[in-house]
N, C-alpha and C. Protein backbone atom coordinates (compact mmCIF):
# COMPACT_ATOMS: atom_id res chain seq x y z
N MET A 1 0.84 -1.18 0.00
CA MET A 1 0.00 0.00 0.00
C MET A 1 0.88 1.24 0.00
N ASN A 2 0.34 2.25 -0.55
CA ASN A 2 1.02 3.53 -0.62
C ASN A 2 0.45 4.43 0.48
N PRO A 3 1.28 4.83 1.44
CA PRO A 3 0.75 5.61 2.57
C PRO A 3 0.21 6.97 2.18
N GLY A 4 0.54 7.45 0.98
CA GLY A 4 0.06 8.75 0.55
C GLY A 4 -1.30 8.71 -0.14
N VAL A 5 -1.85 7.53 -0.33
CA VAL A 5 -3.13 7.37 -1.03
C VAL A 5 -4.23 7.10 -0.01
N PRO A 6 -5.34 7.83 -0.08
CA PRO A 6 -6.44 7.58 0.85
C PRO A 6 -7.03 6.17 0.69
N LEU A 7 -7.50 5.61 1.78
CA LEU A 7 -8.07 4.27 1.78
C LEU A 7 -9.20 4.15 0.76
N LYS A 8 -10.04 5.14 0.67
CA LYS A 8 -11.16 5.12 -0.28
C LYS A 8 -10.66 4.92 -1.71
N ASP A 9 -9.58 5.60 -2.08
CA ASP A 9 -9.01 5.46 -3.42
C ASP A 9 -8.44 4.07 -3.65
N ILE A 10 -7.81 3.50 -2.65
CA ILE A 10 -7.25 2.16 -2.77
C ILE A 10 -8.38 1.14 -2.97
N LEU A 11 -9.44 1.27 -2.19
CA LEU A 11 -10.57 0.35 -2.32
C LEU A 11 -11.23 0.48 -3.69
N TYR A 12 -11.37 1.70 -4.17
CA TYR A 12 -11.96 1.91 -5.48
C TYR A 12 -11.08 1.30 -6.57
N ARG A 13 -9.78 1.48 -6.47
CA ARG A 13 -8.84 0.93 -7.44
C ARG A 13 -8.93 -0.60 -7.46
N GLN A 14 -9.02 -1.22 -6.29
CA GLN A 14 -9.15 -2.67 -6.22
C GLN A 14 -10.42 -3.14 -6.91
N CYS A 15 -11.48 -2.40 -6.73
CA CYS A 15 -12.75 -2.75 -7.37
C CYS A 15 -12.61 -2.65 -8.89
N MET A 16 -11.98 -1.61 -9.38
CA MET A 16 -11.81 -1.41 -10.81
C MET A 16 -10.91 -2.48 -11.43
N LEU A 17 -10.01 -3.04 -10.64
CA LEU A 17 -9.11 -4.09 -11.13
C LEU A 17 -9.79 -5.46 -11.17
N GLY A 18 -11.03 -5.52 -10.75
CA GLY A 18 -11.77 -6.77 -10.82
C GLY A 18 -12.09 -7.40 -9.48
N GLY A 19 -11.73 -6.74 -8.42
CA GLY A 19 -12.07 -7.25 -7.09
C GLY A 19 -13.47 -6.79 -6.70
N ASN A 20 -13.85 -7.12 -5.50
CA ASN A 20 -15.15 -6.65 -5.03
C ASN A 20 -15.02 -5.26 -4.41
N TYR A 21 -16.10 -4.55 -4.35
CA TYR A 21 -16.13 -3.23 -3.73
C TYR A 21 -16.25 -3.43 -2.23
N MET A 22 -15.18 -3.16 -1.50
CA MET A 22 -15.13 -3.53 -0.09
C MET A 22 -15.90 -2.59 0.83
N LEU A 23 -16.45 -1.52 0.31
CA LEU A 23 -17.32 -0.69 1.14
C LEU A 23 -18.76 -1.15 1.05
N PHE A 24 -18.99 -2.18 0.24
CA PHE A 24 -20.30 -2.82 0.10
C PHE A 24 -20.68 -3.46 1.43
N HIS A 25 -21.87 -3.21 1.91
CA HIS A 25 -22.28 -3.72 3.23
C HIS A 25 -23.09 -5.00 3.17
N GLY A 26 -23.24 -5.55 2.00
CA GLY A 26 -23.91 -6.84 1.90
C GLY A 26 -25.35 -6.73 1.47
N ASP A 27 -25.81 -7.83 0.90
CA ASP A 27 -27.19 -7.91 0.47
C ASP A 27 -27.87 -9.16 1.03
N GLY A 28 -27.25 -9.75 2.06
CA GLY A 28 -27.80 -10.94 2.67
C GLY A 28 -27.33 -12.23 2.04
N GLY A 29 -26.41 -12.13 1.09
CA GLY A 29 -25.90 -13.32 0.42
C GLY A 29 -24.87 -14.07 1.27
N TRP A 30 -24.54 -15.26 0.83
CA TRP A 30 -23.62 -16.11 1.59
C TRP A 30 -22.19 -15.57 1.59
N LYS A 31 -21.85 -14.68 0.65
CA LYS A 31 -20.50 -14.13 0.58
C LYS A 31 -20.29 -12.93 1.51
N ASP A 32 -21.35 -12.39 2.04
CA ASP A 32 -21.26 -11.18 2.87
C ASP A 32 -20.21 -11.28 3.98
N PRO A 33 -20.17 -12.35 4.77
CA PRO A 33 -19.17 -12.41 5.84
C PRO A 33 -17.73 -12.36 5.30
N TYR A 34 -17.51 -12.92 4.12
CA TYR A 34 -16.18 -12.91 3.53
C TYR A 34 -15.80 -11.52 3.05
N TYR A 35 -16.74 -10.83 2.41
CA TYR A 35 -16.49 -9.46 1.97
C TYR A 35 -16.23 -8.54 3.16
N LEU A 36 -17.02 -8.70 4.20
CA LEU A 36 -16.84 -7.86 5.38
C LEU A 36 -15.51 -8.14 6.07
N GLY A 37 -15.12 -9.41 6.14
CA GLY A 37 -13.83 -9.77 6.72
C GLY A 37 -12.67 -9.20 5.92
N LYS A 38 -12.78 -9.26 4.60
CA LYS A 38 -11.73 -8.71 3.74
C LYS A 38 -11.64 -7.19 3.92
N ALA A 39 -12.77 -6.53 4.00
CA ALA A 39 -12.78 -5.09 4.19
C ALA A 39 -12.16 -4.72 5.54
N GLU A 40 -12.48 -5.48 6.57
CA GLU A 40 -11.94 -5.20 7.90
C GLU A 40 -10.42 -5.38 7.92
N MET A 41 -9.94 -6.45 7.32
CA MET A 41 -8.50 -6.70 7.29
C MET A 41 -7.77 -5.64 6.47
N THR A 42 -8.34 -5.23 5.36
CA THR A 42 -7.72 -4.19 4.53
C THR A 42 -7.63 -2.88 5.30
N GLU A 43 -8.67 -2.55 6.03
CA GLU A 43 -8.67 -1.32 6.82
C GLU A 43 -7.60 -1.37 7.92
N LYS A 44 -7.47 -2.52 8.58
CA LYS A 44 -6.45 -2.67 9.62
C LYS A 44 -5.05 -2.56 9.04
N PHE A 45 -4.83 -3.20 7.89
CA PHE A 45 -3.52 -3.12 7.24
C PHE A 45 -3.21 -1.69 6.81
N TYR A 46 -4.20 -0.98 6.31
CA TYR A 46 -4.01 0.41 5.91
C TYR A 46 -3.59 1.26 7.12
N ARG A 47 -4.27 1.06 8.24
CA ARG A 47 -3.89 1.81 9.47
C ARG A 47 -2.47 1.47 9.89
N TYR A 48 -2.10 0.19 9.81
CA TYR A 48 -0.74 -0.23 10.16
C TYR A 48 0.29 0.48 9.27
N VAL A 49 0.04 0.52 7.97
CA VAL A 49 0.96 1.19 7.05
C VAL A 49 1.06 2.67 7.39
N GLN A 50 -0.08 3.31 7.65
CA GLN A 50 -0.08 4.73 7.99
C GLN A 50 0.73 5.01 9.25
N GLU A 51 0.63 4.13 10.23
CA GLU A 51 1.29 4.34 11.51
C GLU A 51 2.77 3.99 11.48
N ASN A 52 3.18 3.12 10.55
CA ASN A 52 4.54 2.59 10.60
C ASN A 52 5.40 2.84 9.36
N HIS A 53 4.90 3.55 8.37
CA HIS A 53 5.68 3.72 7.15
C HIS A 53 6.96 4.55 7.35
N GLU A 54 6.95 5.47 8.27
CA GLU A 54 8.13 6.31 8.48
C GLU A 54 9.31 5.56 9.10
N ASN A 55 9.03 4.51 9.87
CA ASN A 55 10.13 3.79 10.50
C ASN A 55 10.52 2.53 9.74
N GLY A 56 10.02 2.36 8.50
CA GLY A 56 10.46 1.29 7.63
C GLY A 56 9.76 -0.05 7.79
N PHE A 57 8.69 -0.10 8.54
CA PHE A 57 7.99 -1.37 8.70
C PHE A 57 6.98 -1.57 7.60
């Protein structure tokens, strides 16, 4: 991830590349828990990059 790019832009780019739109909140389908888990993990990783990019982690 690029720490200079907002999370919203990263998620949109992933969607345009053929992934799912991770801000999607579900429609009651069986994939909803997987989409929500992926969105949660991506958000946590983004925060980690933002907090640690200056010290090389």
